[in-house]
Amino acid sequence: MAKSHVSLPHSWSIERWPADVYPGSPSRARYLVRVHRNALLQAGALARVGRDLIVLGDRYGRWLEKNSSNVPGYAIAANRVPVPAEQTAA
């Protein structure tokens, strides 16, 4: 299966995070960068220019694609097989 490539902006600051790029807002982006800082740095997706953190679009896109391998075993309530009523405790 071929990977689809979406064109991301070349680069952007955390404060001017594009609304159409995941996670879609500066506040959510600050959280994402804080939680995944080491992985983003290892991927070369972050740069510092003065006091600003800059996201490099092509490397950020590759980092997102790399993390898509974390999805197959992920189960959420909506995807779970329902348990028949007779098997649940009353």
N, C-alpha and C. Protein backbone atom coordinates (compact mmCIF):
# COMPACT_ATOMS: atom_id res chain seq x y z
N MET A 1 0.84 -1.17 0.00
CA MET A 1 0.00 0.00 0.00
C MET A 1 0.89 1.24 0.00
N ALA A 2 0.68 2.13 -0.92
CA ALA A 2 1.49 3.34 -1.02
C ALA A 2 1.07 4.35 0.03
N LYS A 3 2.07 5.05 0.55
CA LYS A 3 1.78 6.09 1.53
C LYS A 3 1.29 7.32 0.79
N SER A 4 0.30 7.99 1.37
CA SER A 4 -0.16 9.23 0.79
C SER A 4 0.61 10.38 1.43
N HIS A 5 1.01 11.33 0.63
CA HIS A 5 1.77 12.46 1.14
C HIS A 5 0.93 13.72 1.00
N VAL A 6 0.70 14.35 2.13
CA VAL A 6 -0.03 15.60 2.16
C VAL A 6 1.00 16.71 2.24
N SER A 7 0.78 17.76 1.51
CA SER A 7 1.72 18.87 1.50
C SER A 7 1.55 19.70 2.77
N LEU A 8 2.59 19.74 3.59
CA LEU A 8 2.59 20.56 4.79
C LEU A 8 3.35 21.84 4.50
N PRO A 9 3.07 22.89 5.27
CA PRO A 9 3.90 24.10 5.12
C PRO A 9 5.36 23.76 5.40
N HIS A 10 6.27 24.54 4.86
CA HIS A 10 7.71 24.30 5.06
C HIS A 10 8.06 24.32 6.54
N SER A 11 7.60 25.35 7.26
CA SER A 11 7.88 25.46 8.68
C SER A 11 6.89 26.44 9.31
N TRP A 12 6.76 26.36 10.63
CA TRP A 12 5.88 27.26 11.35
C TRP A 12 6.28 27.27 12.82
N SER A 13 5.89 28.33 13.52
CA SER A 13 6.18 28.41 14.95
C SER A 13 5.03 27.76 15.73
N ILE A 14 5.30 27.41 16.96
CA ILE A 14 4.27 26.81 17.81
C ILE A 14 3.12 27.80 17.98
N GLU A 15 3.45 29.08 18.13
CA GLU A 15 2.42 30.11 18.35
C GLU A 15 1.55 30.35 17.12
N ARG A 16 2.02 29.99 15.94
CA ARG A 16 1.25 30.17 14.70
C ARG A 16 0.95 28.82 14.06
N TRP A 17 0.60 27.86 14.91
CA TRP A 17 0.32 26.50 14.43
C TRP A 17 -0.84 26.53 13.44
N PRO A 18 -0.68 25.94 12.25
CA PRO A 18 -1.77 25.94 11.25
C PRO A 18 -2.98 25.14 11.75
N ALA A 19 -4.15 25.68 11.53
CA ALA A 19 -5.38 25.02 11.98
C ALA A 19 -5.62 23.69 11.27
N ASP A 20 -5.08 23.53 10.06
CA ASP A 20 -5.31 22.30 9.30
C ASP A 20 -4.21 21.25 9.48
N VAL A 21 -3.30 21.48 10.43
CA VAL A 21 -2.23 20.51 10.74
C VAL A 21 -2.46 20.02 12.16
N TYR A 22 -2.43 18.69 12.35
CA TYR A 22 -2.65 18.11 13.67
C TYR A 22 -1.61 18.63 14.65
N PRO A 23 -1.98 19.08 15.81
CA PRO A 23 -3.25 19.00 16.53
C PRO A 23 -4.19 20.17 16.31
N GLY A 24 -3.85 21.12 15.47
CA GLY A 24 -4.82 22.13 15.03
C GLY A 24 -4.89 23.43 15.80
N SER A 25 -4.18 23.58 16.90
CA SER A 25 -4.20 24.85 17.63
C SER A 25 -2.90 25.01 18.41
N PRO A 26 -2.49 26.26 18.67
CA PRO A 26 -1.25 26.49 19.42
C PRO A 26 -1.27 25.87 20.82
N SER A 27 -2.40 25.92 21.51
CA SER A 27 -2.43 25.38 22.87
C SER A 27 -2.26 23.86 22.86
N ARG A 28 -2.92 23.19 21.95
CA ARG A 28 -2.77 21.74 21.85
C ARG A 28 -1.38 21.38 21.32
N ALA A 29 -0.82 22.22 20.46
CA ALA A 29 0.52 21.98 19.93
C ALA A 29 1.57 22.10 21.03
N ARG A 30 1.41 23.08 21.94
CA ARG A 30 2.35 23.21 23.05
C ARG A 30 2.36 21.93 23.88
N TYR A 31 1.19 21.37 24.13
CA TYR A 31 1.11 20.11 24.88
C TYR A 31 1.78 18.97 24.09
N LEU A 32 1.48 18.85 22.82
CA LEU A 32 2.07 17.79 21.99
C LEU A 32 3.59 17.89 21.99
N VAL A 33 4.11 19.10 21.82
CA VAL A 33 5.57 19.28 21.79
C VAL A 33 6.18 19.00 23.15
N ARG A 34 5.50 19.39 24.22
CA ARG A 34 6.02 19.12 25.56
C ARG A 34 6.09 17.62 25.83
N VAL A 35 5.05 16.89 25.48
CA VAL A 35 4.99 15.45 25.74
C VAL A 35 5.94 14.66 24.84
N HIS A 36 6.09 15.08 23.59
CA HIS A 36 6.87 14.31 22.61
C HIS A 36 8.16 15.03 22.21
N ARG A 37 8.65 15.89 23.07
CA ARG A 37 9.81 16.72 22.74
C ARG A 37 11.02 15.89 22.28
N ASN A 38 11.39 14.89 23.06
CA ASN A 38 12.57 14.09 22.70
C ASN A 38 12.41 13.40 21.35
N ALA A 39 11.25 12.82 21.11
CA ALA A 39 11.01 12.12 19.85
C ALA A 39 11.01 13.11 18.68
N LEU A 40 10.44 14.29 18.87
CA LEU A 40 10.43 15.30 17.81
C LEU A 40 11.84 15.80 17.53
N LEU A 41 12.64 15.97 18.58
CA LEU A 41 14.03 16.39 18.40
C LEU A 41 14.82 15.31 17.67
N GLN A 42 14.64 14.06 18.05
CA GLN A 42 15.34 12.97 17.37
C GLN A 42 14.96 12.87 15.90
N ALA A 43 13.71 13.21 15.59
CA ALA A 43 13.25 13.17 14.20
C ALA A 43 13.69 14.40 13.42
N GLY A 44 14.29 15.38 14.10
CA GLY A 44 14.71 16.60 13.43
C GLY A 44 13.55 17.50 13.06
N ALA A 45 12.43 17.35 13.77
CA ALA A 45 11.22 18.10 13.43
C ALA A 45 11.12 19.44 14.16
N LEU A 46 12.04 19.70 15.10
CA LEU A 46 12.02 20.97 15.84
C LEU A 46 13.35 21.69 15.68
N ALA A 47 13.26 23.01 15.61
CA ALA A 47 14.46 23.86 15.58
C ALA A 47 14.17 25.08 16.46
N ARG A 48 15.21 25.64 17.02
CA ARG A 48 15.04 26.87 17.81
C ARG A 48 15.66 28.01 17.01
N VAL A 49 14.87 29.06 16.85
CA VAL A 49 15.34 30.28 16.21
C VAL A 49 15.06 31.39 17.21
N GLY A 50 16.11 31.89 17.82
CA GLY A 50 15.93 32.87 18.89
C GLY A 50 15.17 32.22 20.03
N ARG A 51 14.05 32.80 20.39
CA ARG A 51 13.23 32.25 21.48
C ARG A 51 12.11 31.36 20.96
N ASP A 52 11.96 31.26 19.65
CA ASP A 52 10.86 30.50 19.06
C ASP A 52 11.26 29.07 18.75
N LEU A 53 10.34 28.14 19.02
CA LEU A 53 10.49 26.77 18.53
C LEU A 53 9.81 26.72 17.18
N ILE A 54 10.50 26.19 16.20
CA ILE A 54 9.99 26.10 14.85
C ILE A 54 9.81 24.63 14.49
N VAL A 55 8.68 24.31 13.89
CA VAL A 55 8.40 22.95 13.43
C VAL A 55 8.75 22.88 11.95
N LEU A 56 9.53 21.88 11.59
CA LEU A 56 9.91 21.68 10.19
C LEU A 56 8.91 20.70 9.58
N GLY A 57 8.11 21.20 8.66
CA GLY A 57 6.95 20.48 8.14
C GLY A 57 7.20 19.09 7.61
N ASP A 58 8.21 18.93 6.73
CA ASP A 58 8.42 17.61 6.14
C ASP A 58 8.84 16.59 7.19
N ARG A 59 9.66 16.99 8.14
CA ARG A 59 10.11 16.06 9.19
C ARG A 59 9.00 15.77 10.19
N TYR A 60 8.16 16.76 10.46
CA TYR A 60 7.00 16.54 11.33
C TYR A 60 6.05 15.54 10.68
N GLY A 61 5.83 15.67 9.38
CA GLY A 61 4.98 14.73 8.65
C GLY A 61 5.52 13.32 8.71
N ARG A 62 6.84 13.17 8.57
CA ARG A 62 7.44 11.83 8.68
C ARG A 62 7.29 11.28 10.10
N TRP A 63 7.44 12.16 11.10
CA TRP A 63 7.26 11.73 12.50
C TRP A 63 5.83 11.23 12.72
N LEU A 64 4.84 11.93 12.17
CA LEU A 64 3.46 11.48 12.28
C LEU A 64 3.27 10.12 11.61
N GLU A 65 3.81 9.95 10.42
CA GLU A 65 3.71 8.67 9.71
C GLU A 65 4.35 7.54 10.50
N LYS A 66 5.50 7.82 11.10
CA LYS A 66 6.19 6.81 11.91
C LYS A 66 5.31 6.36 13.08
N ASN A 67 4.58 7.30 13.66
CA ASN A 67 3.73 6.98 14.80
C ASN A 67 2.44 6.27 14.41
N SER A 68 2.17 6.17 13.12
CA SER A 68 0.97 5.46 12.69
C SER A 68 1.08 3.96 12.99
N SER A 69 2.29 3.47 13.22
CA SER A 69 2.44 2.05 13.56
C SER A 69 1.93 1.75 14.97
N ASN A 70 1.66 2.78 15.77
CA ASN A 70 1.14 2.58 17.13
C ASN A 70 -0.36 2.31 17.15
N VAL A 71 -1.03 2.40 16.03
CA VAL A 71 -2.49 2.32 15.98
C VAL A 71 -3.08 0.91 15.98
N PRO A 72 -2.52 -0.09 15.30
CA PRO A 72 -3.23 -1.37 15.14
C PRO A 72 -3.76 -2.01 16.41
N GLY A 73 -3.03 -2.01 17.51
CA GLY A 73 -3.49 -2.67 18.73
C GLY A 73 -4.32 -1.78 19.63
N TYR A 74 -4.57 -0.56 19.21
CA TYR A 74 -5.28 0.40 20.04
C TYR A 74 -6.77 0.11 20.03
N ALA A 75 -7.34 -0.09 21.21
CA ALA A 75 -8.77 -0.39 21.30
C ALA A 75 -9.47 0.70 22.09
N ILE A 76 -10.56 1.19 21.53
CA ILE A 76 -11.40 2.15 22.25
C ILE A 76 -12.77 1.53 22.42
N ALA A 77 -13.55 2.04 23.33
CA ALA A 77 -14.85 1.45 23.64
C ALA A 77 -15.72 1.25 22.40
N ALA A 78 -15.69 2.18 21.49
CA ALA A 78 -16.55 2.08 20.30
C ALA A 78 -16.14 0.91 19.40
N ASN A 79 -14.91 0.45 19.49
CA ASN A 79 -14.43 -0.64 18.64
C ASN A 79 -14.50 -2.00 19.30
N ARG A 80 -14.82 -2.05 20.58
CA ARG A 80 -14.84 -3.33 21.28
C ARG A 80 -16.10 -4.11 20.94
N VAL A 81 -15.98 -5.42 20.96
CA VAL A 81 -17.12 -6.30 20.70
C VAL A 81 -18.03 -6.26 21.92
N PRO A 82 -19.32 -5.99 21.73
CA PRO A 82 -20.21 -5.92 22.90
C PRO A 82 -20.38 -7.30 23.55
N VAL A 83 -20.49 -7.28 24.87
CA VAL A 83 -20.70 -8.50 25.64
C VAL A 83 -22.21 -8.73 25.75
N PRO A 84 -22.68 -9.94 25.42
CA PRO A 84 -24.11 -10.21 25.52
C PRO A 84 -24.63 -9.94 26.94
N ALA A 85 -25.85 -9.46 27.04
CA ALA A 85 -26.45 -9.08 28.32
C ALA A 85 -26.45 -10.23 29.32
N GLU A 86 -26.63 -11.48 28.86
CA GLU A 86 -26.67 -12.60 29.78
C GLU A 86 -25.31 -12.89 30.41
N GLN A 87 -24.23 -12.33 29.86
CA GLN A 87 -22.90 -12.56 30.41
C GLN A 87 -22.46 -11.44 31.34
N THR A 88 -23.24 -10.42 31.50
CA THR A 88 -22.88 -9.32 32.39
C THR A 88 -23.54 -9.51 33.74
N ALA A 89 -22.91 -8.98 34.79
CA ALA A 89 -23.49 -9.08 36.13
C ALA A 89 -24.66 -8.12 36.25
N ALA A 90 -25.70 -8.58 36.90
CA ALA A 90 -26.90 -7.73 37.04
C ALA A 90 -26.81 -6.85 38.24
